[in-house]
Amino acid sequence: MHVSWDPAAPGVLLLPSGRLVRGRGLRHPLPAGPRPQFALHLLGRRPGPVDWDSQWLRWPDFWLPSDRTGFASALSTLLARAGNERVEVACGGGVGRTGTALACLAVLDGVPAREAVTFVRERYDGRAVETPWQRRLVANWEPPAP
């Protein structure tokens, strides 16, 4: 039986498709409750090991992903797995890089790119997508061609 996130739990974002994705900061303690089954870690250097399936994408704090193609692929994987697994996106603080990834994920799930930052700020964290270049990445984000 698939157990998803509690939609009311802190950090959980409900996407238009009904999929749930949790965002969090790795500098904070792991939240109580079920653990993720898959995590996308957005950090400048490789994170330590975790007890669940995870992927690391190099993304220095306050900047943009080092590999845009890898980022697009990782988001597609995350969205697909969110259909039947507990997935999360995490960076150091859980705001800038995580918020940017969540906004791009929302675009993949049908939110217009020009509305994605507002969508994530209203439903995840009011400070999400911290820098002008992160906001520009989201505004110009296009889902990859199938």
N, C-alpha and C. Protein backbone atom coordinates (compact mmCIF):
# COMPACT_ATOMS: atom_id res chain seq x y z
N MET A 1 0.84 -1.19 0.00
CA MET A 1 0.00 0.00 0.00
C MET A 1 0.88 1.24 0.00
N HIS A 2 0.55 2.19 -0.85
CA HIS A 2 1.30 3.44 -0.95
C HIS A 2 0.82 4.42 0.11
N VAL A 3 1.75 4.91 0.89
CA VAL A 3 1.44 5.94 1.89
C VAL A 3 2.11 7.22 1.43
N SER A 4 1.33 8.24 1.14
CA SER A 4 1.85 9.51 0.66
C SER A 4 2.13 10.44 1.83
N TRP A 5 2.56 11.63 1.51
CA TRP A 5 2.74 12.66 2.52
C TRP A 5 1.38 13.14 3.02
N ASP A 6 1.35 13.66 4.22
CA ASP A 6 0.17 14.35 4.73
C ASP A 6 0.15 15.71 4.03
N PRO A 7 -0.88 16.03 3.26
CA PRO A 7 -0.89 17.31 2.53
C PRO A 7 -0.80 18.53 3.44
N ALA A 8 -1.15 18.39 4.72
CA ALA A 8 -1.09 19.52 5.64
C ALA A 8 0.25 19.61 6.38
N ALA A 9 1.13 18.65 6.15
CA ALA A 9 2.43 18.65 6.85
C ALA A 9 3.31 19.79 6.34
N PRO A 10 4.15 20.32 7.20
CA PRO A 10 5.06 21.40 6.78
C PRO A 10 5.94 20.96 5.61
N GLY A 11 6.07 21.86 4.63
CA GLY A 11 6.94 21.60 3.50
C GLY A 11 6.32 20.81 2.36
N VAL A 12 5.11 20.32 2.54
CA VAL A 12 4.48 19.50 1.50
C VAL A 12 3.74 20.41 0.52
N LEU A 13 4.05 20.25 -0.75
CA LEU A 13 3.43 21.03 -1.82
C LEU A 13 2.50 20.13 -2.62
N LEU A 14 1.26 20.55 -2.74
CA LEU A 14 0.27 19.85 -3.56
C LEU A 14 0.34 20.44 -4.97
N LEU A 15 0.70 19.63 -5.92
CA LEU A 15 0.78 20.06 -7.32
C LEU A 15 -0.60 19.97 -7.97
N PRO A 16 -0.81 20.66 -9.09
CA PRO A 16 -2.13 20.63 -9.75
C PRO A 16 -2.63 19.22 -10.07
N SER A 17 -1.72 18.29 -10.35
CA SER A 17 -2.11 16.92 -10.69
C SER A 17 -2.56 16.13 -9.47
N GLY A 18 -2.37 16.69 -8.28
CA GLY A 18 -2.69 15.97 -7.05
C GLY A 18 -1.48 15.28 -6.43
N ARG A 19 -0.37 15.28 -7.13
CA ARG A 19 0.85 14.70 -6.58
C ARG A 19 1.36 15.58 -5.44
N LEU A 20 1.99 14.94 -4.46
CA LEU A 20 2.55 15.66 -3.31
C LEU A 20 4.07 15.52 -3.33
N VAL A 21 4.75 16.63 -3.08
CA VAL A 21 6.20 16.66 -3.02
C VAL A 21 6.58 17.46 -1.78
N ARG A 22 7.54 16.94 -1.02
CA ARG A 22 7.98 17.67 0.16
C ARG A 22 9.29 18.39 -0.14
N GLY A 23 9.36 19.64 0.28
CA GLY A 23 10.59 20.40 0.22
C GLY A 23 11.11 20.55 1.64
N ARG A 24 12.43 20.56 1.79
CA ARG A 24 12.99 20.76 3.12
C ARG A 24 14.44 21.18 3.05
N GLY A 25 14.92 21.68 4.17
CA GLY A 25 16.32 22.06 4.31
C GLY A 25 17.09 20.96 5.02
N LEU A 26 18.20 20.57 4.44
CA LEU A 26 18.99 19.50 5.02
C LEU A 26 19.72 19.92 6.30
N ARG A 27 19.83 21.21 6.55
CA ARG A 27 20.44 21.68 7.80
C ARG A 27 19.49 21.54 8.98
N HIS A 28 18.24 21.23 8.71
CA HIS A 28 17.23 21.07 9.76
C HIS A 28 17.03 19.59 10.05
N PRO A 29 16.55 19.26 11.23
CA PRO A 29 16.30 17.84 11.53
C PRO A 29 15.26 17.25 10.58
N LEU A 30 15.39 15.96 10.36
CA LEU A 30 14.41 15.25 9.54
C LEU A 30 13.04 15.35 10.21
N PRO A 31 12.01 15.80 9.48
CA PRO A 31 10.68 15.91 10.08
C PRO A 31 10.16 14.57 10.58
N ALA A 32 9.32 14.64 11.59
CA ALA A 32 8.67 13.43 12.11
C ALA A 32 7.75 12.85 11.04
N GLY A 33 7.48 11.58 11.16
CA GLY A 33 6.56 10.94 10.22
C GLY A 33 7.30 10.07 9.23
N PRO A 34 6.62 9.71 8.16
CA PRO A 34 7.24 8.80 7.19
C PRO A 34 8.45 9.44 6.52
N ARG A 35 9.36 8.60 6.14
CA ARG A 35 10.57 9.06 5.45
C ARG A 35 10.33 9.08 3.95
N PRO A 36 11.11 9.87 3.24
CA PRO A 36 10.96 9.85 1.78
C PRO A 36 11.38 8.50 1.22
N GLN A 37 10.87 8.20 0.05
CA GLN A 37 11.31 7.01 -0.68
C GLN A 37 12.32 7.40 -1.76
N PHE A 38 12.29 8.68 -2.12
CA PHE A 38 13.25 9.22 -3.09
C PHE A 38 13.46 10.69 -2.77
N ALA A 39 14.72 11.13 -2.85
CA ALA A 39 15.04 12.54 -2.60
C ALA A 39 15.98 13.06 -3.67
N LEU A 40 15.75 14.30 -4.06
CA LEU A 40 16.65 15.02 -4.95
C LEU A 40 17.37 16.06 -4.10
N HIS A 41 18.69 15.90 -3.97
CA HIS A 41 19.49 16.81 -3.15
C HIS A 41 20.20 17.82 -4.05
N LEU A 42 19.98 19.09 -3.76
CA LEU A 42 20.52 20.19 -4.57
C LEU A 42 21.57 20.92 -3.73
N LEU A 43 22.82 20.53 -3.89
CA LEU A 43 23.89 21.06 -3.05
C LEU A 43 25.15 21.30 -3.88
N GLY A 44 26.02 22.16 -3.37
CA GLY A 44 27.28 22.43 -4.03
C GLY A 44 28.24 21.27 -3.98
N ARG A 45 28.09 20.41 -2.98
CA ARG A 45 28.94 19.22 -2.90
C ARG A 45 28.11 18.01 -2.48
N ARG A 46 28.65 16.85 -2.75
CA ARG A 46 27.92 15.60 -2.51
C ARG A 46 27.49 15.49 -1.05
N PRO A 47 26.21 15.19 -0.80
CA PRO A 47 25.73 15.03 0.58
C PRO A 47 26.13 13.67 1.15
N GLY A 48 25.95 13.55 2.45
CA GLY A 48 26.18 12.26 3.09
C GLY A 48 25.11 11.27 2.69
N PRO A 49 25.33 10.01 3.04
CA PRO A 49 24.37 8.97 2.67
C PRO A 49 23.06 9.09 3.44
N VAL A 50 21.99 8.61 2.83
CA VAL A 50 20.67 8.55 3.46
C VAL A 50 20.14 7.13 3.32
N ASP A 51 19.09 6.82 4.06
CA ASP A 51 18.52 5.47 4.08
C ASP A 51 17.46 5.25 3.01
N TRP A 52 17.39 6.10 2.01
CA TRP A 52 16.41 5.96 0.94
C TRP A 52 17.10 6.31 -0.38
N ASP A 53 16.44 6.02 -1.47
CA ASP A 53 16.98 6.30 -2.79
C ASP A 53 17.11 7.81 -2.95
N SER A 54 18.24 8.25 -3.48
CA SER A 54 18.43 9.70 -3.65
C SER A 54 19.31 9.98 -4.86
N GLN A 55 19.23 11.22 -5.30
CA GLN A 55 20.06 11.71 -6.40
C GLN A 55 20.63 13.05 -5.99
N TRP A 56 21.89 13.27 -6.29
CA TRP A 56 22.54 14.55 -6.01
C TRP A 56 22.73 15.30 -7.30
N LEU A 57 22.38 16.57 -7.28
CA LEU A 57 22.61 17.45 -8.42
C LEU A 57 23.44 18.62 -7.91
N ARG A 58 24.58 18.86 -8.54
CA ARG A 58 25.45 19.97 -8.10
C ARG A 58 24.77 21.30 -8.38
N TRP A 59 24.60 22.06 -7.28
CA TRP A 59 23.93 23.36 -7.38
C TRP A 59 24.44 24.21 -6.21
N PRO A 60 25.42 25.08 -6.45
CA PRO A 60 25.95 25.93 -5.38
C PRO A 60 24.87 26.86 -4.81
N ASP A 61 24.98 27.13 -3.53
CA ASP A 61 24.02 27.99 -2.84
C ASP A 61 23.88 29.35 -3.53
N PHE A 62 22.66 29.80 -3.69
CA PHE A 62 22.28 31.08 -4.30
C PHE A 62 22.50 31.14 -5.81
N TRP A 63 22.91 30.07 -6.45
CA TRP A 63 23.18 30.09 -7.87
C TRP A 63 22.16 29.25 -8.63
N LEU A 64 22.59 28.69 -9.73
CA LEU A 64 21.73 27.86 -10.58
C LEU A 64 22.35 26.47 -10.71
N PRO A 65 21.57 25.49 -11.14
CA PRO A 65 22.13 24.15 -11.29
C PRO A 65 23.30 24.15 -12.28
N SER A 66 24.33 23.42 -11.94
CA SER A 66 25.52 23.35 -12.80
C SER A 66 25.22 22.64 -14.12
N ASP A 67 24.28 21.72 -14.11
CA ASP A 67 23.92 20.92 -15.28
C ASP A 67 22.42 21.07 -15.54
N ARG A 68 22.06 21.97 -16.45
CA ARG A 68 20.63 22.22 -16.72
C ARG A 68 19.93 21.01 -17.32
N THR A 69 20.61 20.26 -18.16
CA THR A 69 19.99 19.07 -18.74
C THR A 69 19.76 18.02 -17.66
N GLY A 70 20.74 17.86 -16.78
CA GLY A 70 20.59 16.93 -15.66
C GLY A 70 19.48 17.37 -14.73
N PHE A 71 19.34 18.68 -14.53
CA PHE A 71 18.27 19.22 -13.69
C PHE A 71 16.91 18.89 -14.28
N ALA A 72 16.76 19.11 -15.58
CA ALA A 72 15.48 18.81 -16.25
C ALA A 72 15.16 17.32 -16.13
N SER A 73 16.14 16.48 -16.33
CA SER A 73 15.94 15.04 -16.22
C SER A 73 15.57 14.63 -14.80
N ALA A 74 16.26 15.22 -13.81
CA ALA A 74 15.98 14.91 -12.40
C ALA A 74 14.56 15.32 -12.03
N LEU A 75 14.10 16.47 -12.53
CA LEU A 75 12.73 16.90 -12.24
C LEU A 75 11.70 15.97 -12.87
N SER A 76 11.96 15.53 -14.08
CA SER A 76 11.04 14.58 -14.73
C SER A 76 10.95 13.29 -13.93
N THR A 77 12.09 12.81 -13.46
CA THR A 77 12.11 11.60 -12.64
C THR A 77 11.34 11.82 -11.35
N LEU A 78 11.59 12.97 -10.71
CA LEU A 78 10.92 13.29 -9.44
C LEU A 78 9.40 13.34 -9.63
N LEU A 79 8.95 13.99 -10.68
CA LEU A 79 7.51 14.11 -10.93
C LEU A 79 6.89 12.73 -11.19
N ALA A 80 7.57 11.91 -11.96
CA ALA A 80 7.05 10.57 -12.25
C ALA A 80 6.97 9.74 -10.97
N ARG A 81 8.00 9.81 -10.15
CA ARG A 81 8.01 9.02 -8.92
C ARG A 81 7.01 9.55 -7.89
N ALA A 82 6.68 10.84 -7.97
CA ALA A 82 5.70 11.42 -7.03
C ALA A 82 4.32 10.81 -7.23
N GLY A 83 4.09 10.17 -8.34
CA GLY A 83 2.80 9.54 -8.59
C GLY A 83 2.51 8.37 -7.66
N ASN A 84 3.55 7.71 -7.16
CA ASN A 84 3.31 6.57 -6.28
C ASN A 84 4.35 6.39 -5.17
N GLU A 85 5.16 7.43 -4.94
CA GLU A 85 6.16 7.37 -3.88
C GLU A 85 6.19 8.70 -3.12
N ARG A 86 6.75 8.65 -1.91
CA ARG A 86 7.00 9.88 -1.16
C ARG A 86 8.32 10.46 -1.65
N VAL A 87 8.27 11.59 -2.31
CA VAL A 87 9.47 12.22 -2.85
C VAL A 87 9.68 13.59 -2.20
N GLU A 88 10.95 13.97 -2.13
CA GLU A 88 11.26 15.30 -1.60
C GLU A 88 12.39 15.93 -2.39
N VAL A 89 12.42 17.25 -2.32
CA VAL A 89 13.50 18.07 -2.88
C VAL A 89 14.13 18.75 -1.69
N ALA A 90 15.46 18.76 -1.62
CA ALA A 90 16.11 19.35 -0.45
C ALA A 90 17.41 20.03 -0.84
N CYS A 91 17.65 21.17 -0.20
CA CYS A 91 18.93 21.86 -0.30
C CYS A 91 19.35 22.20 1.13
N GLY A 92 20.31 23.07 1.30
CA GLY A 92 20.76 23.39 2.65
C GLY A 92 19.68 23.99 3.52
N GLY A 93 19.09 25.09 3.07
CA GLY A 93 18.08 25.77 3.86
C GLY A 93 16.64 25.44 3.50
N GLY A 94 16.43 24.87 2.32
CA GLY A 94 15.09 24.49 1.90
C GLY A 94 14.28 25.63 1.30
N VAL A 95 14.95 26.71 0.87
CA VAL A 95 14.21 27.87 0.37
C VAL A 95 14.56 28.23 -1.08
N GLY A 96 15.80 28.62 -1.35
CA GLY A 96 16.16 29.10 -2.67
C GLY A 96 16.21 28.02 -3.74
N ARG A 97 17.16 27.10 -3.59
CA ARG A 97 17.29 26.03 -4.58
C ARG A 97 16.09 25.11 -4.56
N THR A 98 15.63 24.75 -3.36
CA THR A 98 14.45 23.89 -3.25
C THR A 98 13.23 24.58 -3.84
N GLY A 99 13.02 25.84 -3.50
CA GLY A 99 11.88 26.59 -4.05
C GLY A 99 11.94 26.71 -5.55
N THR A 100 13.14 26.92 -6.08
CA THR A 100 13.31 27.03 -7.53
C THR A 100 12.96 25.70 -8.20
N ALA A 101 13.45 24.61 -7.63
CA ALA A 101 13.13 23.29 -8.18
C ALA A 101 11.64 23.00 -8.10
N LEU A 102 11.01 23.36 -6.98
CA LEU A 102 9.57 23.14 -6.84
C LEU A 102 8.79 23.97 -7.86
N ALA A 103 9.23 25.20 -8.11
CA ALA A 103 8.55 26.04 -9.10
C ALA A 103 8.69 25.45 -10.50
N CYS A 104 9.88 24.97 -10.84
CA CYS A 104 10.07 24.33 -12.15
C CYS A 104 9.26 23.03 -12.24
N LEU A 105 9.19 22.31 -11.14
CA LEU A 105 8.37 21.10 -11.09
C LEU A 105 6.89 21.44 -11.31
N ALA A 106 6.45 22.54 -10.72
CA ALA A 106 5.06 22.99 -10.91
C ALA A 106 4.79 23.31 -12.39
N VAL A 107 5.78 23.89 -13.07
CA VAL A 107 5.63 24.15 -14.50
C VAL A 107 5.47 22.83 -15.25
N LEU A 108 6.29 21.84 -14.90
CA LEU A 108 6.16 20.53 -15.54
C LEU A 108 4.78 19.92 -15.30
N ASP A 109 4.18 20.29 -14.17
CA ASP A 109 2.87 19.74 -13.81
C ASP A 109 1.70 20.60 -14.28
N GLY A 110 2.00 21.65 -15.05
CA GLY A 110 0.92 22.42 -15.66
C GLY A 110 0.74 23.87 -15.23
N VAL A 111 1.48 24.33 -14.25
CA VAL A 111 1.39 25.73 -13.84
C VAL A 111 2.13 26.58 -14.87
N PRO A 112 1.52 27.65 -15.38
CA PRO A 112 2.24 28.51 -16.33
C PRO A 112 3.52 29.06 -15.68
N ALA A 113 4.62 29.11 -16.43
CA ALA A 113 5.92 29.54 -15.90
C ALA A 113 5.83 30.91 -15.23
N ARG A 114 5.06 31.82 -15.78
CA ARG A 114 4.98 33.17 -15.21
C ARG A 114 4.26 33.20 -13.86
N GLU A 115 3.55 32.11 -13.52
CA GLU A 115 2.82 32.03 -12.25
C GLU A 115 3.47 31.08 -11.24
N ALA A 116 4.52 30.40 -11.64
CA ALA A 116 5.07 29.32 -10.82
C ALA A 116 5.72 29.81 -9.52
N VAL A 117 6.43 30.93 -9.56
CA VAL A 117 7.05 31.44 -8.32
C VAL A 117 5.96 31.80 -7.31
N THR A 118 4.93 32.48 -7.74
CA THR A 118 3.82 32.83 -6.85
C THR A 118 3.15 31.58 -6.32
N PHE A 119 2.93 30.60 -7.19
CA PHE A 119 2.31 29.33 -6.79
C PHE A 119 3.09 28.70 -5.63
N VAL A 120 4.41 28.63 -5.76
CA VAL A 120 5.25 27.99 -4.73
C VAL A 120 5.33 28.87 -3.49
N ARG A 121 5.43 30.17 -3.65
CA ARG A 121 5.50 31.06 -2.48
C ARG A 121 4.21 31.02 -1.67
N GLU A 122 3.08 30.89 -2.32
CA GLU A 122 1.80 30.84 -1.60
C GLU A 122 1.56 29.48 -0.94
N ARG A 123 2.11 28.42 -1.50
CA ARG A 123 1.78 27.08 -1.02
C ARG A 123 2.93 26.35 -0.32
N TYR A 124 4.14 26.88 -0.44
CA TYR A 124 5.29 26.21 0.18
C TYR A 124 6.01 27.14 1.17
N ASP A 125 6.61 28.22 0.68
CA ASP A 125 7.35 29.15 1.52
C ASP A 125 7.36 30.51 0.85
N GLY A 126 6.99 31.53 1.57
CA GLY A 126 6.92 32.89 1.03
C GLY A 126 8.25 33.45 0.58
N ARG A 127 9.35 32.84 0.98
CA ARG A 127 10.68 33.30 0.58
C ARG A 127 11.29 32.46 -0.53
N ALA A 128 10.56 31.47 -1.02
CA ALA A 128 11.08 30.54 -2.02
C ALA A 128 11.54 31.27 -3.28
N VAL A 129 12.52 30.69 -3.95
CA VAL A 129 13.10 31.23 -5.19
C VAL A 129 13.73 32.58 -4.84
N GLU A 130 14.90 32.53 -4.24
CA GLU A 130 15.50 33.70 -3.59
C GLU A 130 16.14 34.74 -4.50
N THR A 131 16.81 34.32 -5.56
CA THR A 131 17.61 35.28 -6.31
C THR A 131 16.96 35.66 -7.64
N PRO A 132 17.36 36.80 -8.19
CA PRO A 132 16.80 37.20 -9.50
C PRO A 132 17.07 36.16 -10.58
N TRP A 133 18.24 35.53 -10.57
CA TRP A 133 18.55 34.54 -11.61
C TRP A 133 17.76 33.25 -11.40
N GLN A 134 17.42 32.93 -10.15
CA GLN A 134 16.55 31.78 -9.92
C GLN A 134 15.14 32.09 -10.43
N ARG A 135 14.66 33.30 -10.17
CA ARG A 135 13.34 33.69 -10.69
C ARG A 135 13.31 33.68 -12.21
N ARG A 136 14.40 34.13 -12.83
CA ARG A 136 14.49 34.14 -14.30
C ARG A 136 14.51 32.71 -14.85
N LEU A 137 15.21 31.80 -14.16
CA LEU A 137 15.22 30.40 -14.59
C LEU A 137 13.79 29.86 -14.62
N VAL A 138 13.02 30.13 -13.57
CA VAL A 138 11.64 29.63 -13.51
C VAL A 138 10.79 30.29 -14.60
N ALA A 139 10.90 31.60 -14.75
CA ALA A 139 10.08 32.32 -15.73
C ALA A 139 10.32 31.83 -17.15
N ASN A 140 11.53 31.34 -17.42
CA ASN A 140 11.87 30.86 -18.76
C ASN A 140 11.86 29.33 -18.86
N TRP A 141 11.40 28.66 -17.80
CA TRP A 141 11.44 27.19 -17.78
C TRP A 141 10.41 26.62 -18.75
N GLU A 142 10.87 25.71 -19.56
CA GLU A 142 9.97 25.00 -20.47
C GLU A 142 10.16 23.52 -20.25
N PRO A 143 9.07 22.80 -20.13
CA PRO A 143 9.20 21.36 -20.00
C PRO A 143 9.95 20.78 -21.19
N PRO A 144 10.84 19.82 -20.95
CA PRO A 144 11.56 19.23 -22.07
C PRO A 144 10.61 18.52 -23.03
N ALA A 145 10.98 18.54 -24.28
CA ALA A 145 10.15 17.86 -25.30
C ALA A 145 10.17 16.35 -25.04
N PRO A 146 9.01 15.70 -25.23
CA PRO A 146 8.95 14.24 -25.00
C PRO A 146 9.78 13.47 -26.00
